[in-house]
Structure formats: structure tokens, C-alpha cells
Amino acid sequence: MTLDKNLHKLKRMVKYNDEILNDVFQVLSDPTRREIIRRLAVGEMTVMNLAKPFEMSLPAVSKHLKVLEKAGLVSVRKEGTYRYYYLNPNVVDNAHEWLMDLRKFWTAQVFNLEHFLDNQSKED
């Protein structure tokens, strides 16, 4: 596959919702939020349970959860006076799909480079 075809494939990736992807990657750049995501991957939790391993106040953890919720990475379910947070896999799936498309692009680029270099060495 030529470089032009690969660049065309990469441009098609722009069709993903850039605003959502920007939010997801910005939110996931924070190590505390990534840890919250890891903990929620086990199952839904209250703020109190989520806050246990962190050396920060409950309001600070709540702020992180609000950021995650605004980005669509987590959702909340209210039951009585408790709020249970859980992962929203759809947003994560979109980011994963974008990354996989990027990986396919670069894998093809490396393959093409290897092929080119093999042909060059045979000609020399």
C-alpha cells in the first residue's frame, strides 16, 4: 500500500468525534482518574469506596468523578441516599477503536518500510 493510500486512511480517522476523543484522552491523562477507572472496572462503587485508597478528601474524589462523568466515561445510579458510579464502556470503546485504527495505519507503514528496505538491499 502506498503512502498516499495510508494517509487517506488516516484522514478517515478524523471522522471520529474529535470533541469526545479530546475529552477522553485529557481525562485519562490524570493518574488518579485512571486509577478510578481501574477500580470501577471491577464493578460499581460509591464515592466512599472509591476514595479509600487515595490520600485525598471525599470532595476531591467527587471532583474527579464529575470530570469523568462529564467526559462520559462513568455514569451514576442513585439508590436512596447513595450514588453508585460505574463505567460507561461506549465512550471507552470509541477511543479504543480510534487507537486500533491508528495502530493499523502504523503497522502498515512499518510493513511498507520493511518491504521498501528489502527491495533496496536486493538492488544494491
N, C-alpha and C. Protein backbone atom coordinates (compact mmCIF):
# COMPACT_ATOMS: atom_id res chain seq x y z
N MET A 1 0.86 -1.19 0.00
CA MET A 1 0.00 0.00 0.00
C MET A 1 0.90 1.24 0.00
N THR A 2 0.55 2.22 -0.77
CA THR A 2 1.39 3.40 -0.89
C THR A 2 1.16 4.34 0.29
N LEU A 3 2.08 5.27 0.43
CA LEU A 3 1.96 6.27 1.49
C LEU A 3 0.69 7.09 1.32
N ASP A 4 0.34 7.44 0.07
CA ASP A 4 -0.87 8.23 -0.17
C ASP A 4 -2.12 7.50 0.30
N LYS A 5 -2.20 6.21 0.03
CA LYS A 5 -3.36 5.43 0.47
C LYS A 5 -3.43 5.37 1.99
N ASN A 6 -2.26 5.21 2.62
CA ASN A 6 -2.23 5.17 4.09
C ASN A 6 -2.62 6.51 4.69
N LEU A 7 -2.17 7.59 4.08
CA LEU A 7 -2.55 8.91 4.57
C LEU A 7 -4.04 9.14 4.42
N HIS A 8 -4.61 8.63 3.33
CA HIS A 8 -6.05 8.73 3.14
C HIS A 8 -6.79 7.97 4.25
N LYS A 9 -6.28 6.79 4.59
CA LYS A 9 -6.90 6.02 5.69
C LYS A 9 -6.82 6.80 7.00
N LEU A 10 -5.68 7.42 7.25
CA LEU A 10 -5.51 8.19 8.48
C LEU A 10 -6.48 9.36 8.52
N LYS A 11 -6.68 10.01 7.38
CA LYS A 11 -7.61 11.15 7.33
C LYS A 11 -9.03 10.70 7.63
N ARG A 12 -9.39 9.47 7.23
CA ARG A 12 -10.72 8.95 7.53
C ARG A 12 -10.94 8.82 9.03
N MET A 13 -9.87 8.65 9.78
CA MET A 13 -9.98 8.53 11.24
C MET A 13 -10.53 9.81 11.85
N VAL A 14 -10.38 10.92 11.16
CA VAL A 14 -10.85 12.21 11.66
C VAL A 14 -12.37 12.19 11.81
N LYS A 15 -13.05 11.24 11.18
CA LYS A 15 -14.49 11.16 11.26
C LYS A 15 -14.98 10.81 12.66
N TYR A 16 -14.10 10.35 13.53
CA TYR A 16 -14.47 10.13 14.91
C TYR A 16 -14.81 11.47 15.53
N ASN A 17 -15.62 11.47 16.55
CA ASN A 17 -15.99 12.71 17.21
C ASN A 17 -14.78 13.23 17.98
N ASP A 18 -14.11 14.22 17.40
CA ASP A 18 -12.88 14.75 17.99
C ASP A 18 -13.11 15.30 19.38
N GLU A 19 -14.24 15.92 19.61
CA GLU A 19 -14.52 16.51 20.92
C GLU A 19 -14.57 15.42 22.00
N ILE A 20 -15.22 14.32 21.68
CA ILE A 20 -15.30 13.21 22.64
C ILE A 20 -13.92 12.61 22.87
N LEU A 21 -13.18 12.38 21.77
CA LEU A 21 -11.84 11.82 21.92
C LEU A 21 -10.93 12.75 22.72
N ASN A 22 -11.01 14.04 22.46
CA ASN A 22 -10.20 15.00 23.22
C ASN A 22 -10.52 14.91 24.70
N ASP A 23 -11.80 14.88 25.02
CA ASP A 23 -12.22 14.79 26.43
C ASP A 23 -11.70 13.51 27.07
N VAL A 24 -11.86 12.39 26.38
CA VAL A 24 -11.44 11.10 26.94
C VAL A 24 -9.95 11.10 27.21
N PHE A 25 -9.15 11.49 26.22
CA PHE A 25 -7.70 11.44 26.41
C PHE A 25 -7.22 12.47 27.44
N GLN A 26 -7.86 13.61 27.49
CA GLN A 26 -7.49 14.60 28.50
C GLN A 26 -7.82 14.08 29.90
N VAL A 27 -8.99 13.51 30.05
CA VAL A 27 -9.41 12.99 31.35
C VAL A 27 -8.50 11.84 31.78
N LEU A 28 -8.15 10.97 30.84
CA LEU A 28 -7.32 9.81 31.18
C LEU A 28 -5.85 10.17 31.40
N SER A 29 -5.47 11.41 31.13
CA SER A 29 -4.08 11.81 31.37
C SER A 29 -3.77 11.95 32.86
N ASP A 30 -4.80 12.01 33.69
CA ASP A 30 -4.62 12.15 35.13
C ASP A 30 -4.52 10.77 35.78
N PRO A 31 -3.45 10.49 36.54
CA PRO A 31 -3.27 9.16 37.14
C PRO A 31 -4.37 8.80 38.15
N THR A 32 -4.89 9.77 38.88
CA THR A 32 -5.97 9.49 39.83
C THR A 32 -7.21 9.02 39.09
N ARG A 33 -7.53 9.68 38.00
CA ARG A 33 -8.72 9.29 37.22
C ARG A 33 -8.53 7.92 36.58
N ARG A 34 -7.31 7.64 36.12
CA ARG A 34 -7.06 6.30 35.56
C ARG A 34 -7.24 5.23 36.62
N GLU A 35 -6.81 5.52 37.84
CA GLU A 35 -6.98 4.55 38.93
C GLU A 35 -8.46 4.38 39.27
N ILE A 36 -9.21 5.46 39.25
CA ILE A 36 -10.66 5.36 39.49
C ILE A 36 -11.29 4.48 38.41
N ILE A 37 -10.89 4.67 37.17
CA ILE A 37 -11.39 3.83 36.07
C ILE A 37 -11.04 2.37 36.32
N ARG A 38 -9.80 2.10 36.73
CA ARG A 38 -9.39 0.72 37.01
C ARG A 38 -10.24 0.11 38.11
N ARG A 39 -10.52 0.89 39.14
CA ARG A 39 -11.32 0.38 40.25
C ARG A 39 -12.76 0.14 39.82
N LEU A 40 -13.29 1.01 38.98
CA LEU A 40 -14.67 0.83 38.51
C LEU A 40 -14.78 -0.32 37.51
N ALA A 41 -13.67 -0.74 36.93
CA ALA A 41 -13.69 -1.89 36.02
C ALA A 41 -14.09 -3.17 36.77
N VAL A 42 -13.89 -3.17 38.07
CA VAL A 42 -14.28 -4.31 38.91
C VAL A 42 -15.80 -4.32 39.12
N GLY A 43 -16.38 -3.14 39.20
CA GLY A 43 -17.82 -3.02 39.41
C GLY A 43 -18.16 -1.66 39.97
N GLU A 44 -19.45 -1.37 40.04
CA GLU A 44 -19.87 -0.05 40.52
C GLU A 44 -19.51 0.14 41.99
N MET A 45 -19.28 1.41 42.36
CA MET A 45 -18.86 1.74 43.72
C MET A 45 -19.39 3.10 44.11
N THR A 46 -19.50 3.28 45.42
CA THR A 46 -19.86 4.59 45.95
C THR A 46 -18.59 5.45 46.03
N VAL A 47 -18.78 6.74 46.22
CA VAL A 47 -17.63 7.65 46.35
C VAL A 47 -16.78 7.22 47.54
N MET A 48 -17.43 6.83 48.62
CA MET A 48 -16.70 6.41 49.83
C MET A 48 -15.78 5.24 49.53
N ASN A 49 -16.27 4.24 48.82
CA ASN A 49 -15.44 3.08 48.47
C ASN A 49 -14.35 3.45 47.48
N LEU A 50 -14.68 4.32 46.54
CA LEU A 50 -13.68 4.74 45.56
C LEU A 50 -12.56 5.54 46.22
N ALA A 51 -12.89 6.29 47.25
CA ALA A 51 -11.92 7.19 47.89
C ALA A 51 -10.94 6.47 48.81
N LYS A 52 -11.25 5.24 49.23
CA LYS A 52 -10.43 4.54 50.23
C LYS A 52 -8.93 4.52 49.94
N PRO A 53 -8.48 4.17 48.74
CA PRO A 53 -7.02 4.08 48.55
C PRO A 53 -6.32 5.42 48.32
N PHE A 54 -7.09 6.47 48.17
CA PHE A 54 -6.49 7.76 47.85
C PHE A 54 -6.27 8.60 49.10
N GLU A 55 -5.19 9.33 49.10
CA GLU A 55 -4.92 10.25 50.21
C GLU A 55 -5.46 11.62 49.83
N MET A 56 -6.78 11.69 49.70
CA MET A 56 -7.43 12.95 49.37
C MET A 56 -8.83 12.94 49.97
N SER A 57 -9.42 14.10 50.03
CA SER A 57 -10.74 14.23 50.64
C SER A 57 -11.82 13.66 49.72
N LEU A 58 -12.97 13.40 50.30
CA LEU A 58 -14.11 12.94 49.51
C LEU A 58 -14.52 13.98 48.47
N PRO A 59 -14.53 15.28 48.81
CA PRO A 59 -14.85 16.27 47.78
C PRO A 59 -13.87 16.25 46.59
N ALA A 60 -12.60 15.97 46.88
CA ALA A 60 -11.61 15.90 45.80
C ALA A 60 -11.89 14.71 44.88
N VAL A 61 -12.23 13.57 45.47
CA VAL A 61 -12.58 12.39 44.67
C VAL A 61 -13.85 12.68 43.88
N SER A 62 -14.80 13.36 44.50
CA SER A 62 -16.05 13.72 43.82
C SER A 62 -15.78 14.61 42.61
N LYS A 63 -14.81 15.51 42.73
CA LYS A 63 -14.46 16.37 41.59
C LYS A 63 -13.93 15.54 40.43
N HIS A 64 -13.08 14.57 40.75
CA HIS A 64 -12.57 13.68 39.71
C HIS A 64 -13.71 12.92 39.05
N LEU A 65 -14.65 12.45 39.86
CA LEU A 65 -15.79 11.71 39.32
C LEU A 65 -16.66 12.59 38.42
N LYS A 66 -16.81 13.85 38.78
CA LYS A 66 -17.58 14.77 37.95
C LYS A 66 -16.91 14.96 36.59
N VAL A 67 -15.59 15.05 36.59
CA VAL A 67 -14.85 15.20 35.34
C VAL A 67 -15.03 13.94 34.48
N LEU A 68 -14.93 12.77 35.12
CA LEU A 68 -15.11 11.51 34.41
C LEU A 68 -16.54 11.39 33.87
N GLU A 69 -17.49 11.83 34.67
CA GLU A 69 -18.90 11.78 34.25
C GLU A 69 -19.16 12.73 33.09
N LYS A 70 -18.60 13.93 33.17
CA LYS A 70 -18.79 14.92 32.10
C LYS A 70 -18.21 14.40 30.78
N ALA A 71 -17.10 13.68 30.84
CA ALA A 71 -16.48 13.11 29.64
C ALA A 71 -17.24 11.88 29.16
N GLY A 72 -18.18 11.40 29.95
CA GLY A 72 -18.97 10.24 29.57
C GLY A 72 -18.34 8.91 29.91
N LEU A 73 -17.22 8.93 30.62
CA LEU A 73 -16.54 7.68 30.97
C LEU A 73 -17.23 6.92 32.09
N VAL A 74 -17.88 7.65 32.98
CA VAL A 74 -18.63 7.00 34.06
C VAL A 74 -20.04 7.56 34.11
N SER A 75 -20.91 6.75 34.66
CA SER A 75 -22.29 7.17 34.88
C SER A 75 -22.61 6.93 36.35
N VAL A 76 -23.72 7.47 36.79
CA VAL A 76 -24.09 7.33 38.20
C VAL A 76 -25.52 6.80 38.30
N ARG A 77 -25.69 5.97 39.31
CA ARG A 77 -27.01 5.41 39.61
C ARG A 77 -27.31 5.77 41.05
N LYS A 78 -28.47 6.39 41.27
CA LYS A 78 -28.86 6.78 42.64
C LYS A 78 -29.76 5.70 43.23
N GLU A 79 -29.44 5.36 44.46
CA GLU A 79 -30.28 4.40 45.20
C GLU A 79 -30.38 4.92 46.63
N GLY A 80 -31.53 5.47 46.95
CA GLY A 80 -31.70 6.10 48.25
C GLY A 80 -30.77 7.29 48.36
N THR A 81 -29.95 7.31 49.42
CA THR A 81 -29.01 8.41 49.60
C THR A 81 -27.63 8.11 48.98
N TYR A 82 -27.49 6.93 48.41
CA TYR A 82 -26.21 6.53 47.83
C TYR A 82 -26.18 6.79 46.33
N ARG A 83 -24.97 7.13 45.88
CA ARG A 83 -24.73 7.30 44.45
C ARG A 83 -23.69 6.27 44.05
N TYR A 84 -24.05 5.40 43.12
CA TYR A 84 -23.16 4.35 42.66
C TYR A 84 -22.62 4.73 41.29
N TYR A 85 -21.31 4.75 41.19
CA TYR A 85 -20.65 5.09 39.92
C TYR A 85 -20.26 3.80 39.21
N TYR A 86 -20.37 3.83 37.88
CA TYR A 86 -20.00 2.67 37.07
C TYR A 86 -19.46 3.16 35.72
N LEU A 87 -18.70 2.28 35.07
CA LEU A 87 -18.09 2.63 33.79
C LEU A 87 -19.13 2.67 32.68
N ASN A 88 -18.91 3.59 31.76
CA ASN A 88 -19.72 3.67 30.54
C ASN A 88 -18.81 3.18 29.41
N PRO A 89 -18.95 1.91 29.03
CA PRO A 89 -18.00 1.34 28.06
C PRO A 89 -18.08 1.92 26.66
N ASN A 90 -19.19 2.53 26.28
CA ASN A 90 -19.32 3.04 24.90
C ASN A 90 -18.27 4.08 24.57
N VAL A 91 -18.01 5.00 25.49
CA VAL A 91 -17.02 6.05 25.24
C VAL A 91 -15.62 5.45 25.17
N VAL A 92 -15.33 4.50 26.04
CA VAL A 92 -14.03 3.84 26.03
C VAL A 92 -13.87 3.04 24.73
N ASP A 93 -14.94 2.40 24.29
CA ASP A 93 -14.88 1.63 23.05
C ASP A 93 -14.55 2.53 21.86
N ASN A 94 -15.10 3.73 21.81
CA ASN A 94 -14.80 4.66 20.72
C ASN A 94 -13.33 5.05 20.71
N ALA A 95 -12.79 5.32 21.89
CA ALA A 95 -11.37 5.68 21.98
C ALA A 95 -10.50 4.48 21.59
N HIS A 96 -10.90 3.30 22.02
CA HIS A 96 -10.15 2.08 21.69
C HIS A 96 -10.17 1.84 20.17
N GLU A 97 -11.32 2.03 19.55
CA GLU A 97 -11.43 1.85 18.11
C GLU A 97 -10.53 2.83 17.36
N TRP A 98 -10.49 4.07 17.84
CA TRP A 98 -9.62 5.08 17.21
C TRP A 98 -8.16 4.66 17.33
N LEU A 99 -7.77 4.18 18.51
CA LEU A 99 -6.39 3.75 18.72
C LEU A 99 -6.05 2.53 17.86
N MET A 100 -7.01 1.62 17.70
CA MET A 100 -6.76 0.44 16.87
C MET A 100 -6.60 0.84 15.40
N ASP A 101 -7.38 1.81 14.94
CA ASP A 101 -7.22 2.30 13.57
C ASP A 101 -5.84 2.93 13.39
N LEU A 102 -5.41 3.67 14.39
CA LEU A 102 -4.09 4.28 14.33
C LEU A 102 -3.00 3.21 14.30
N ARG A 103 -3.19 2.18 15.11
CA ARG A 103 -2.22 1.08 15.14
C ARG A 103 -2.15 0.39 13.78
N LYS A 104 -3.30 0.14 13.15
CA LYS A 104 -3.32 -0.49 11.83
C LYS A 104 -2.55 0.36 10.83
N PHE A 105 -2.78 1.67 10.90
CA PHE A 105 -2.08 2.58 9.99
C PHE A 105 -0.57 2.45 10.16
N TRP A 106 -0.08 2.52 11.41
CA TRP A 106 1.36 2.48 11.62
C TRP A 106 1.94 1.10 11.37
N THR A 107 1.18 0.05 11.59
CA THR A 107 1.65 -1.29 11.26
C THR A 107 1.86 -1.41 9.76
N ALA A 108 0.91 -0.87 8.99
CA ALA A 108 1.05 -0.88 7.53
C ALA A 108 2.25 -0.04 7.10
N GLN A 109 2.47 1.08 7.76
CA GLN A 109 3.62 1.93 7.41
C GLN A 109 4.93 1.18 7.65
N VAL A 110 5.04 0.50 8.77
CA VAL A 110 6.27 -0.24 9.09
C VAL A 110 6.46 -1.38 8.09
N PHE A 111 5.38 -2.08 7.77
CA PHE A 111 5.46 -3.15 6.77
C PHE A 111 5.95 -2.60 5.44
N ASN A 112 5.39 -1.47 5.01
CA ASN A 112 5.80 -0.86 3.74
C ASN A 112 7.27 -0.44 3.78
N LEU A 113 7.70 0.09 4.89
CA LEU A 113 9.10 0.49 5.03
C LEU A 113 10.01 -0.73 4.96
N GLU A 114 9.64 -1.80 5.66
CA GLU A 114 10.44 -3.04 5.61
C GLU A 114 10.52 -3.57 4.18
N HIS A 115 9.39 -3.56 3.49
CA HIS A 115 9.34 -4.03 2.11
C HIS A 115 10.24 -3.16 1.23
N PHE A 116 10.16 -1.87 1.39
CA PHE A 116 10.99 -0.94 0.63
C PHE A 116 12.48 -1.20 0.90
N LEU A 117 12.85 -1.34 2.17
CA LEU A 117 14.24 -1.56 2.51
C LEU A 117 14.74 -2.90 1.99
N ASP A 118 13.91 -3.92 2.02
CA ASP A 118 14.29 -5.22 1.46
C ASP A 118 14.58 -5.09 -0.04
N ASN A 119 13.70 -4.38 -0.73
CA ASN A 119 13.90 -4.19 -2.18
C ASN A 119 15.15 -3.37 -2.46
N GLN A 120 15.41 -2.37 -1.64
CA GLN A 120 16.62 -1.55 -1.83
C GLN A 120 17.88 -2.37 -1.62
N SER A 121 17.88 -3.23 -0.61
CA SER A 121 19.08 -4.03 -0.34
C SER A 121 19.32 -5.05 -1.44
N LYS A 122 18.24 -5.55 -2.05
CA LYS A 122 18.38 -6.50 -3.16
C LYS A 122 18.95 -5.82 -4.39
N GLU A 123 18.61 -4.53 -4.57
CA GLU A 123 19.10 -3.79 -5.73
C GLU A 123 20.56 -3.40 -5.58
N ASP A 124 21.01 -3.29 -4.33
CA ASP A 124 22.41 -2.86 -4.10
C ASP A 124 23.38 -3.96 -4.28
